[in-house]
């Protein structure tokens, strides 16, 4: 069956939309990096992208959504890199640390923008497209952690009816401590704080708790024979 072809007019319109979106993305990314989220205006972004302010709002409803658009791309790249790197590690604590390390390093480039991104991600309007994309990335990170811990548990013979539940809880716990670590610079507390050192210790506690919970819920061979 022949594949339907786009009309030249539709093709030009789609290319035009992609071009504008790319220019908006590049302008927003550059201005946020140069000046920080608080000092950038949507007018500056539209001027640098060389589009009308009204056109800008067809692609993002607010400055916060523009930040989400830019930082979602950074978050996605960090997860792609982490997923590849983490395969080289056997120890579950180091594996989980490797899954979040690229995100921590990316966030360190601008504490102000990272804190603003976290705020928009967690508390922004629920119907924003880029917020939904960002939350999907959070879910992806949590699932990556949960899946790896489940693999390690099965390798240790820790089959349990609660394995999936407990691994999901561990994944969410790791994101929670990651979120607090990324937000910490906004508090001004603990100068000289090393987030990766602190995160390694907290991840070790979460992983230890995960395996301890599994040990108490594991299905023993004699229990299976009795059913």
Protein backbone atom coordinates (compact mmCIF):
# COMPACT_ATOMS: atom_id res chain seq x y z
CA UNK A 1 0.00 0.00 0.00
CA UNK A 2 1.52 3.39 -0.91
CA UNK A 3 2.46 5.64 1.99
CA UNK A 4 0.45 8.90 2.06
CA UNK A 5 2.63 11.85 1.22
CA UNK A 6 2.48 15.23 2.93
CA UNK A 7 1.43 18.06 0.69
CA UNK A 8 4.19 20.63 0.04
CA UNK A 9 2.20 23.19 2.01
CA UNK A 10 1.88 20.96 5.08
CA UNK A 11 5.54 19.99 4.84
CA UNK A 12 6.60 23.66 4.79
CA UNK A 13 4.35 24.45 7.73
CA UNK A 14 5.80 21.59 9.81
CA UNK A 15 9.35 22.60 8.92
CA UNK A 16 8.55 26.20 9.83
CA UNK A 17 7.17 25.14 13.21
CA UNK A 18 10.22 22.99 13.92
CA UNK A 19 12.52 25.84 12.93
CA UNK A 20 10.76 28.26 15.28
CA UNK A 21 10.77 25.76 18.13
CA UNK A 22 14.48 25.12 17.61
CA UNK A 23 15.23 28.85 17.64
CA UNK A 24 13.18 29.33 20.80
CA UNK A 25 14.96 26.41 22.49
CA UNK A 26 18.41 27.71 21.53
CA UNK A 27 17.60 31.26 22.63
CA UNK A 28 16.13 30.17 25.96
CA UNK A 29 19.01 27.76 26.68
CA UNK A 30 21.62 30.42 25.94
CA UNK A 31 19.93 33.17 27.96
CA UNK A 32 19.25 30.96 30.98
CA UNK A 33 22.90 29.84 30.93
CA UNK A 34 24.20 33.40 30.56
CA UNK A 35 21.97 35.26 33.02
CA UNK A 36 20.10 32.77 35.20
CA UNK A 37 16.39 32.07 35.22
CA UNK A 38 15.33 35.03 37.39
CA UNK A 39 17.01 37.65 35.18
CA UNK A 40 15.69 36.41 31.83
CA UNK A 41 12.43 37.69 30.34
CA UNK A 42 10.27 36.11 27.66
CA UNK A 43 10.77 39.28 25.61
CA UNK A 44 14.54 38.69 25.62
CA UNK A 45 13.97 35.12 24.48
CA UNK A 46 11.63 36.12 21.66
CA UNK A 47 14.05 38.86 20.56
CA UNK A 48 17.01 36.47 20.42
CA UNK A 49 14.92 33.84 18.64
CA UNK A 50 13.80 36.55 16.20
CA UNK A 51 10.12 35.81 16.58
CA UNK A 52 7.13 37.78 17.86
CA UNK A 53 6.31 37.48 21.57
CA UNK A 54 2.85 36.17 20.68
CA UNK A 55 4.41 33.41 18.59
CA UNK A 56 6.63 32.40 21.49
CA UNK A 57 3.59 31.63 23.65
CA UNK A 58 2.25 29.18 21.08
CA UNK A 59 5.24 26.97 21.92
CA UNK A 60 5.49 27.55 25.69
CA UNK A 61 2.90 29.17 27.94
CA UNK A 62 5.34 30.79 30.38
CA UNK A 63 8.98 31.40 31.21
CA UNK A 64 8.78 28.45 33.60
CA UNK A 65 7.64 26.18 30.79
CA UNK A 66 10.55 27.38 28.65
CA UNK A 67 12.90 26.38 31.46
CA UNK A 68 11.24 22.99 31.63
CA UNK A 69 11.67 22.57 27.88
CA UNK A 70 15.41 23.32 28.09
CA UNK A 71 16.20 21.37 31.25
CA UNK A 72 14.11 18.36 30.23
CA UNK A 73 16.56 17.98 27.35
CA UNK A 74 19.49 18.06 29.79
CA UNK A 75 17.75 15.59 32.10
CA UNK A 76 16.99 13.23 29.19
CA UNK A 77 20.61 13.33 28.00
CA UNK A 78 21.84 12.64 31.55
CA UNK A 79 19.56 9.60 31.82
CA UNK A 80 20.63 8.27 28.41
CA UNK A 81 24.29 8.55 29.43
CA UNK A 82 23.67 7.07 32.88
CA UNK A 83 21.78 4.09 31.52
CA UNK A 84 24.78 3.17 29.39
CA UNK A 85 27.44 3.84 32.07
CA UNK A 86 25.68 1.99 34.89
CA UNK A 87 25.92 -1.34 33.05
CA UNK A 88 29.62 -1.47 33.90
CA UNK A 89 28.99 -1.67 37.67
CA UNK A 90 28.17 -4.74 39.76
CA UNK A 91 27.78 -3.20 43.22
CA UNK A 92 24.17 -1.99 43.62
CA UNK A 93 25.13 1.17 45.55
CA UNK A 94 27.68 2.23 42.91
CA UNK A 95 25.24 1.32 40.15
CA UNK A 96 22.50 3.54 41.58
CA UNK A 97 25.03 6.32 42.16
CA UNK A 98 26.08 6.09 38.51
CA UNK A 99 22.43 6.35 37.46
CA UNK A 100 22.14 9.76 39.14
CA UNK A 101 25.71 11.07 38.78
CA UNK A 102 25.21 12.69 35.32
CA UNK A 103 22.12 14.51 36.61
CA UNK A 104 24.07 15.86 39.59
CA UNK A 105 26.91 17.02 37.34
CA UNK A 106 24.53 18.65 34.88
CA UNK A 107 22.74 20.44 37.73
CA UNK A 108 26.03 21.81 39.07
CA UNK A 109 26.40 24.06 36.01
CA UNK A 110 23.76 26.42 37.43
CA UNK A 111 22.36 25.97 40.91
CA UNK A 112 19.83 28.77 40.34
CA UNK A 113 18.41 27.23 37.18
CA UNK A 114 18.36 23.75 38.70
CA UNK A 115 16.39 24.92 41.73
CA UNK A 116 13.95 26.78 39.47
CA UNK A 117 13.57 23.66 37.32
CA UNK A 118 12.88 21.49 40.36
CA UNK A 119 10.27 23.99 41.54
CA UNK A 120 8.53 24.11 38.16
CA UNK A 121 8.70 20.33 37.85
CA UNK A 122 7.11 19.63 41.21
CA UNK A 123 4.76 22.58 41.64
CA UNK A 124 4.06 23.99 38.17
CA UNK A 125 0.60 24.05 36.55
CA UNK A 126 -0.61 20.45 36.09
CA UNK A 127 -1.64 20.90 32.46
CA UNK A 128 1.72 22.12 31.11
CA UNK A 129 3.12 19.91 28.35
CA UNK A 130 6.76 20.23 29.38
CA UNK A 131 5.99 19.60 33.04
CA UNK A 132 4.34 16.32 32.04
CA UNK A 133 7.45 15.43 30.01
CA UNK A 134 9.68 16.23 32.97
CA UNK A 135 7.63 14.11 35.35
CA UNK A 136 7.85 11.26 32.84
CA UNK A 137 11.65 11.59 33.02
CA UNK A 138 11.49 11.38 36.82
CA UNK A 139 9.41 8.21 36.46
CA UNK A 140 11.98 6.85 34.02
CA UNK A 141 14.83 7.43 36.50
CA UNK A 142 12.88 5.80 39.31
CA UNK A 143 12.11 2.82 37.07
CA UNK A 144 15.77 2.48 36.03
CA UNK A 145 16.79 2.29 39.69
CA UNK A 146 13.97 -0.11 40.58
CA UNK A 147 14.72 -2.41 37.65
CA UNK A 148 18.41 -2.63 38.51
CA UNK A 149 17.74 -3.34 42.19
CA UNK A 150 15.25 -6.04 41.23
CA UNK A 151 17.88 -7.68 39.00
CA UNK A 152 20.41 -7.62 41.85
CA UNK A 153 17.85 -9.07 44.26
CA UNK A 154 17.02 -11.95 41.93
CA UNK A 155 20.74 -12.63 41.44
CA UNK A 156 20.95 -13.09 45.22
CA UNK A 157 18.02 -15.50 45.21
CA UNK A 158 15.71 -13.00 46.91
CA UNK A 159 12.46 -13.81 45.14
CA UNK A 160 9.57 -12.21 46.96
CA UNK A 161 5.96 -11.30 46.20
CA UNK A 162 6.93 -7.79 47.30
CA UNK A 163 10.00 -7.45 45.07
CA UNK A 164 8.37 -5.13 42.54
CA UNK A 165 6.73 -3.01 45.24
CA UNK A 166 9.91 -2.65 47.31
CA UNK A 167 12.10 -1.87 44.31
CA UNK A 168 9.66 0.87 43.23
CA UNK A 169 9.74 2.35 46.74
CA UNK A 170 13.54 2.33 46.69
CA UNK A 171 13.56 4.10 43.31
CA UNK A 172 11.24 6.81 44.62
CA UNK A 173 13.34 7.18 47.77
CA UNK A 174 16.50 7.73 45.73
CA UNK A 175 14.81 10.43 43.66
CA UNK A 176 13.61 12.10 46.87
CA UNK A 177 17.14 12.40 48.27
CA UNK A 178 18.41 13.47 44.84
CA UNK A 179 15.80 16.24 44.72
CA UNK A 180 16.85 17.51 48.15
CA UNK A 181 20.52 17.40 47.17
CA UNK A 182 19.84 19.44 44.04
CA UNK A 183 17.75 21.97 45.97
CA UNK A 184 20.28 22.35 48.81
CA UNK A 185 22.31 25.20 47.19
CA UNK A 186 19.23 27.43 47.43
CA UNK A 187 19.31 27.16 51.22
CA UNK A 188 22.85 28.47 51.61
CA UNK A 189 23.46 25.82 54.26
CA UNK A 190 26.45 23.52 54.55
CA UNK A 191 29.10 25.41 52.52
CA UNK A 192 31.55 23.04 50.88
CA UNK A 193 28.91 20.31 50.83
CA UNK A 194 29.76 17.50 48.39
CA UNK A 195 26.45 16.17 47.02
CA UNK A 196 27.87 12.95 45.58
CA UNK A 197 29.53 11.93 48.85
CA UNK A 198 26.33 12.59 50.76
CA UNK A 199 24.21 10.85 48.12
CA UNK A 200 26.42 7.76 48.18
CA UNK A 201 25.86 7.43 51.94
CA UNK A 202 22.09 7.93 51.62
CA UNK A 203 21.85 5.50 48.69
CA UNK A 204 23.77 2.92 50.72
CA UNK A 205 21.14 3.23 53.47
CA UNK A 206 18.26 2.95 50.98
CA UNK A 207 19.79 -0.11 49.28
CA UNK A 208 20.51 -1.76 52.64
CA UNK A 209 16.93 -1.14 53.70
CA UNK A 210 15.65 -2.54 50.41
CA UNK A 211 17.56 -5.81 50.84
CA UNK A 212 16.65 -6.05 54.52
CA UNK A 213 12.95 -5.68 53.68
CA UNK A 214 13.29 -8.33 51.00
CA UNK A 215 14.94 -10.75 53.44
CA UNK A 216 11.95 -10.49 55.75
CA UNK A 217 9.44 -11.03 52.94
CA UNK A 218 11.27 -13.58 50.79
CA UNK A 219 9.42 -16.78 49.92
CA UNK A 220 11.42 -19.66 51.39
CA UNK A 221 11.58 -23.03 49.56
CA UNK A 222 9.85 -24.81 52.47
CA UNK A 223 7.03 -22.25 52.32
CA UNK A 224 6.53 -22.94 48.61
CA UNK A 225 6.43 -26.72 49.25
CA UNK A 226 3.74 -26.26 51.87
CA UNK A 227 1.38 -24.48 49.45
